[in-house]
Amino acid sequence: MTVTQLDRAAVAARYGMSDPASVSKAVVRGSLPPPDGFVGRSPWWWSTTLDGWARPGRGRRTKTERTEG
């Protein structure tokens, strides 16, 4: 597995966001994990951080949770 350092534009492209500024908004909302680091004021993430992120409200529900609620 190759681990890659992704900037805000790369994260936006990865998730189909048209504006890299949307990435920062998604972090504030909790839809994306906090950055792994910064270069100056520009955030970056490891690809493995994004791969392992369990997005709240998206999937990750068991069959029991789907049938009970």
N, C-alpha and C. Protein backbone atom coordinates (compact mmCIF):
# COMPACT_ATOMS: atom_id res chain seq x y z
N MET A 1 0.84 -1.17 0.00
CA MET A 1 0.00 0.00 0.00
C MET A 1 0.89 1.24 0.00
N THR A 2 0.59 2.15 -0.88
CA THR A 2 1.33 3.40 -0.96
C THR A 2 0.62 4.47 -0.13
N VAL A 3 1.35 5.10 0.75
CA VAL A 3 0.81 6.19 1.55
C VAL A 3 1.19 7.49 0.88
N THR A 4 0.19 8.34 0.65
CA THR A 4 0.40 9.59 -0.06
C THR A 4 -0.03 10.75 0.81
N GLN A 5 0.70 11.85 0.71
CA GLN A 5 0.33 13.08 1.40
C GLN A 5 -0.57 13.88 0.45
N LEU A 6 -1.79 14.21 0.90
CA LEU A 6 -2.77 14.88 0.05
C LEU A 6 -3.04 16.29 0.56
N ASP A 7 -3.02 17.25 -0.36
CA ASP A 7 -3.38 18.61 0.03
C ASP A 7 -4.89 18.79 -0.12
N ARG A 8 -5.36 19.99 0.19
CA ARG A 8 -6.80 20.25 0.18
C ARG A 8 -7.40 20.03 -1.22
N ALA A 9 -6.70 20.40 -2.27
CA ALA A 9 -7.21 20.20 -3.63
C ALA A 9 -7.33 18.72 -3.96
N ALA A 10 -6.36 17.92 -3.54
CA ALA A 10 -6.40 16.48 -3.80
C ALA A 10 -7.53 15.82 -3.03
N VAL A 11 -7.77 16.25 -1.80
CA VAL A 11 -8.88 15.71 -1.01
C VAL A 11 -10.21 16.08 -1.66
N ALA A 12 -10.32 17.32 -2.12
CA ALA A 12 -11.55 17.76 -2.79
C ALA A 12 -11.80 16.90 -4.04
N ALA A 13 -10.77 16.66 -4.82
CA ALA A 13 -10.92 15.84 -6.02
C ALA A 13 -11.30 14.41 -5.66
N ARG A 14 -10.72 13.89 -4.61
CA ARG A 14 -10.99 12.52 -4.18
C ARG A 14 -12.46 12.32 -3.81
N TYR A 15 -13.08 13.34 -3.21
CA TYR A 15 -14.47 13.23 -2.76
C TYR A 15 -15.45 13.95 -3.68
N GLY A 16 -15.00 14.39 -4.85
CA GLY A 16 -15.89 15.00 -5.82
C GLY A 16 -16.38 16.39 -5.45
N MET A 17 -15.60 17.11 -4.67
CA MET A 17 -15.97 18.47 -4.30
C MET A 17 -15.43 19.42 -5.35
N SER A 18 -16.25 20.38 -5.75
CA SER A 18 -15.84 21.30 -6.81
C SER A 18 -14.90 22.39 -6.31
N ASP A 19 -14.94 22.69 -5.02
CA ASP A 19 -14.15 23.77 -4.45
C ASP A 19 -13.29 23.25 -3.30
N PRO A 20 -11.97 23.41 -3.35
CA PRO A 20 -11.12 22.95 -2.25
C PRO A 20 -11.49 23.57 -0.89
N ALA A 21 -12.10 24.76 -0.89
CA ALA A 21 -12.53 25.36 0.37
C ALA A 21 -13.60 24.51 1.05
N SER A 22 -14.30 23.70 0.29
CA SER A 22 -15.32 22.81 0.86
C SER A 22 -14.71 21.79 1.80
N VAL A 23 -13.45 21.45 1.59
CA VAL A 23 -12.77 20.48 2.45
C VAL A 23 -12.68 21.02 3.87
N SER A 24 -12.29 22.28 4.02
CA SER A 24 -12.20 22.88 5.35
C SER A 24 -13.56 22.91 6.03
N LYS A 25 -14.59 23.20 5.27
CA LYS A 25 -15.95 23.21 5.83
C LYS A 25 -16.36 21.81 6.27
N ALA A 26 -15.99 20.80 5.50
CA ALA A 26 -16.31 19.42 5.84
C ALA A 26 -15.59 18.99 7.11
N VAL A 27 -14.38 19.47 7.33
CA VAL A 27 -13.64 19.16 8.57
C VAL A 27 -14.37 19.76 9.76
N VAL A 28 -14.81 21.01 9.63
CA VAL A 28 -15.53 21.68 10.72
C VAL A 28 -16.82 20.94 11.04
N ARG A 29 -17.54 20.47 10.01
CA ARG A 29 -18.79 19.73 10.21
C ARG A 29 -18.56 18.33 10.76
N GLY A 30 -17.33 17.83 10.67
CA GLY A 30 -17.05 16.47 11.11
C GLY A 30 -17.21 15.44 10.01
N SER A 31 -17.39 15.90 8.78
CA SER A 31 -17.54 14.98 7.65
C SER A 31 -16.20 14.45 7.15
N LEU A 32 -15.12 15.09 7.54
CA LEU A 32 -13.76 14.65 7.22
C LEU A 32 -12.92 14.76 8.49
N PRO A 33 -11.87 13.95 8.60
CA PRO A 33 -11.02 14.02 9.79
C PRO A 33 -10.17 15.28 9.79
N PRO A 34 -9.70 15.68 10.97
CA PRO A 34 -8.79 16.83 11.02
C PRO A 34 -7.52 16.53 10.22
N PRO A 35 -6.86 17.57 9.74
CA PRO A 35 -5.62 17.36 8.97
C PRO A 35 -4.55 16.67 9.81
N ASP A 36 -3.69 15.94 9.14
CA ASP A 36 -2.55 15.32 9.81
C ASP A 36 -1.43 16.32 10.05
N GLY A 37 -1.42 17.40 9.29
CA GLY A 37 -0.38 18.41 9.46
C GLY A 37 -0.66 19.62 8.59
N PHE A 38 0.25 20.56 8.68
CA PHE A 38 0.13 21.80 7.91
C PHE A 38 1.47 22.14 7.30
N VAL A 39 1.44 22.74 6.13
CA VAL A 39 2.60 23.36 5.51
C VAL A 39 2.23 24.84 5.48
N GLY A 40 2.82 25.60 6.39
CA GLY A 40 2.38 26.98 6.57
C GLY A 40 0.97 26.94 7.13
N ARG A 41 0.02 27.49 6.39
CA ARG A 41 -1.38 27.46 6.80
C ARG A 41 -2.20 26.46 6.00
N SER A 42 -1.54 25.74 5.11
CA SER A 42 -2.24 24.79 4.23
C SER A 42 -2.27 23.39 4.87
N PRO A 43 -3.48 22.84 5.06
CA PRO A 43 -3.59 21.52 5.68
C PRO A 43 -3.25 20.40 4.70
N TRP A 44 -2.85 19.26 5.25
CA TRP A 44 -2.63 18.06 4.45
C TRP A 44 -3.03 16.84 5.26
N TRP A 45 -3.35 15.74 4.54
CA TRP A 45 -3.77 14.48 5.14
C TRP A 45 -2.97 13.34 4.53
N TRP A 46 -2.73 12.29 5.31
CA TRP A 46 -2.19 11.05 4.77
C TRP A 46 -3.35 10.31 4.12
N SER A 47 -3.12 9.65 3.03
CA SER A 47 -4.17 8.89 2.35
C SER A 47 -4.75 7.82 3.27
N THR A 48 -3.92 7.25 4.13
CA THR A 48 -4.40 6.22 5.06
C THR A 48 -5.36 6.80 6.09
N THR A 49 -5.17 8.05 6.46
CA THR A 49 -6.10 8.70 7.40
C THR A 49 -7.49 8.77 6.77
N LEU A 50 -7.55 9.17 5.51
CA LEU A 50 -8.83 9.28 4.82
C LEU A 50 -9.43 7.91 4.54
N ASP A 51 -8.59 6.93 4.22
CA ASP A 51 -9.08 5.57 3.95
C ASP A 51 -9.73 4.97 5.18
N GLY A 52 -9.19 5.27 6.36
CA GLY A 52 -9.70 4.69 7.59
C GLY A 52 -10.78 5.50 8.28
N TRP A 53 -11.13 6.64 7.73
CA TRP A 53 -12.11 7.52 8.36
C TRP A 53 -13.51 6.95 8.22
N ALA A 54 -14.20 6.77 9.34
CA ALA A 54 -15.59 6.32 9.34
C ALA A 54 -16.47 7.55 9.33
N ARG A 55 -16.97 7.91 8.17
CA ARG A 55 -17.77 9.13 8.05
C ARG A 55 -19.06 8.99 8.83
N PRO A 56 -19.34 9.91 9.73
CA PRO A 56 -20.57 9.84 10.52
C PRO A 56 -21.81 9.88 9.63
N GLY A 57 -22.76 9.00 9.93
CA GLY A 57 -24.02 9.01 9.21
C GLY A 57 -23.98 8.33 7.85
N ARG A 58 -22.84 7.78 7.47
CA ARG A 58 -22.72 7.12 6.17
C ARG A 58 -22.33 5.67 6.37
N GLY A 59 -23.24 4.76 6.11
CA GLY A 59 -22.91 3.35 6.23
C GLY A 59 -22.57 2.97 7.65
N ARG A 60 -21.74 2.02 7.83
CA ARG A 60 -21.26 1.59 9.13
C ARG A 60 -22.39 1.18 10.08
N ARG A 61 -23.58 0.91 9.56
CA ARG A 61 -24.68 0.48 10.41
C ARG A 61 -24.86 -1.02 10.24
N THR A 62 -25.20 -1.67 11.32
CA THR A 62 -25.42 -3.12 11.25
C THR A 62 -26.84 -3.40 10.79
N LYS A 63 -27.11 -4.64 10.44
CA LYS A 63 -28.45 -5.02 10.02
C LYS A 63 -29.45 -4.77 11.14
N THR A 64 -29.07 -5.02 12.39
CA THR A 64 -29.95 -4.78 13.53
C THR A 64 -30.34 -3.31 13.63
N GLU A 65 -29.37 -2.42 13.46
CA GLU A 65 -29.65 -0.98 13.53
C GLU A 65 -30.60 -0.54 12.43
N ARG A 66 -30.48 -1.13 11.26
CA ARG A 66 -31.35 -0.75 10.14
C ARG A 66 -32.80 -1.20 10.39
N THR A 67 -32.98 -2.34 11.02
CA THR A 67 -34.33 -2.87 11.20
C THR A 67 -35.01 -2.32 12.44
N GLU A 68 -34.25 -1.86 13.42
CA GLU A 68 -34.83 -1.34 14.66
C GLU A 68 -35.32 0.08 14.53
N GLY A 69 -34.71 0.86 13.69
CA GLY A 69 -34.97 2.27 13.73
C GLY A 69 -35.89 2.78 12.74
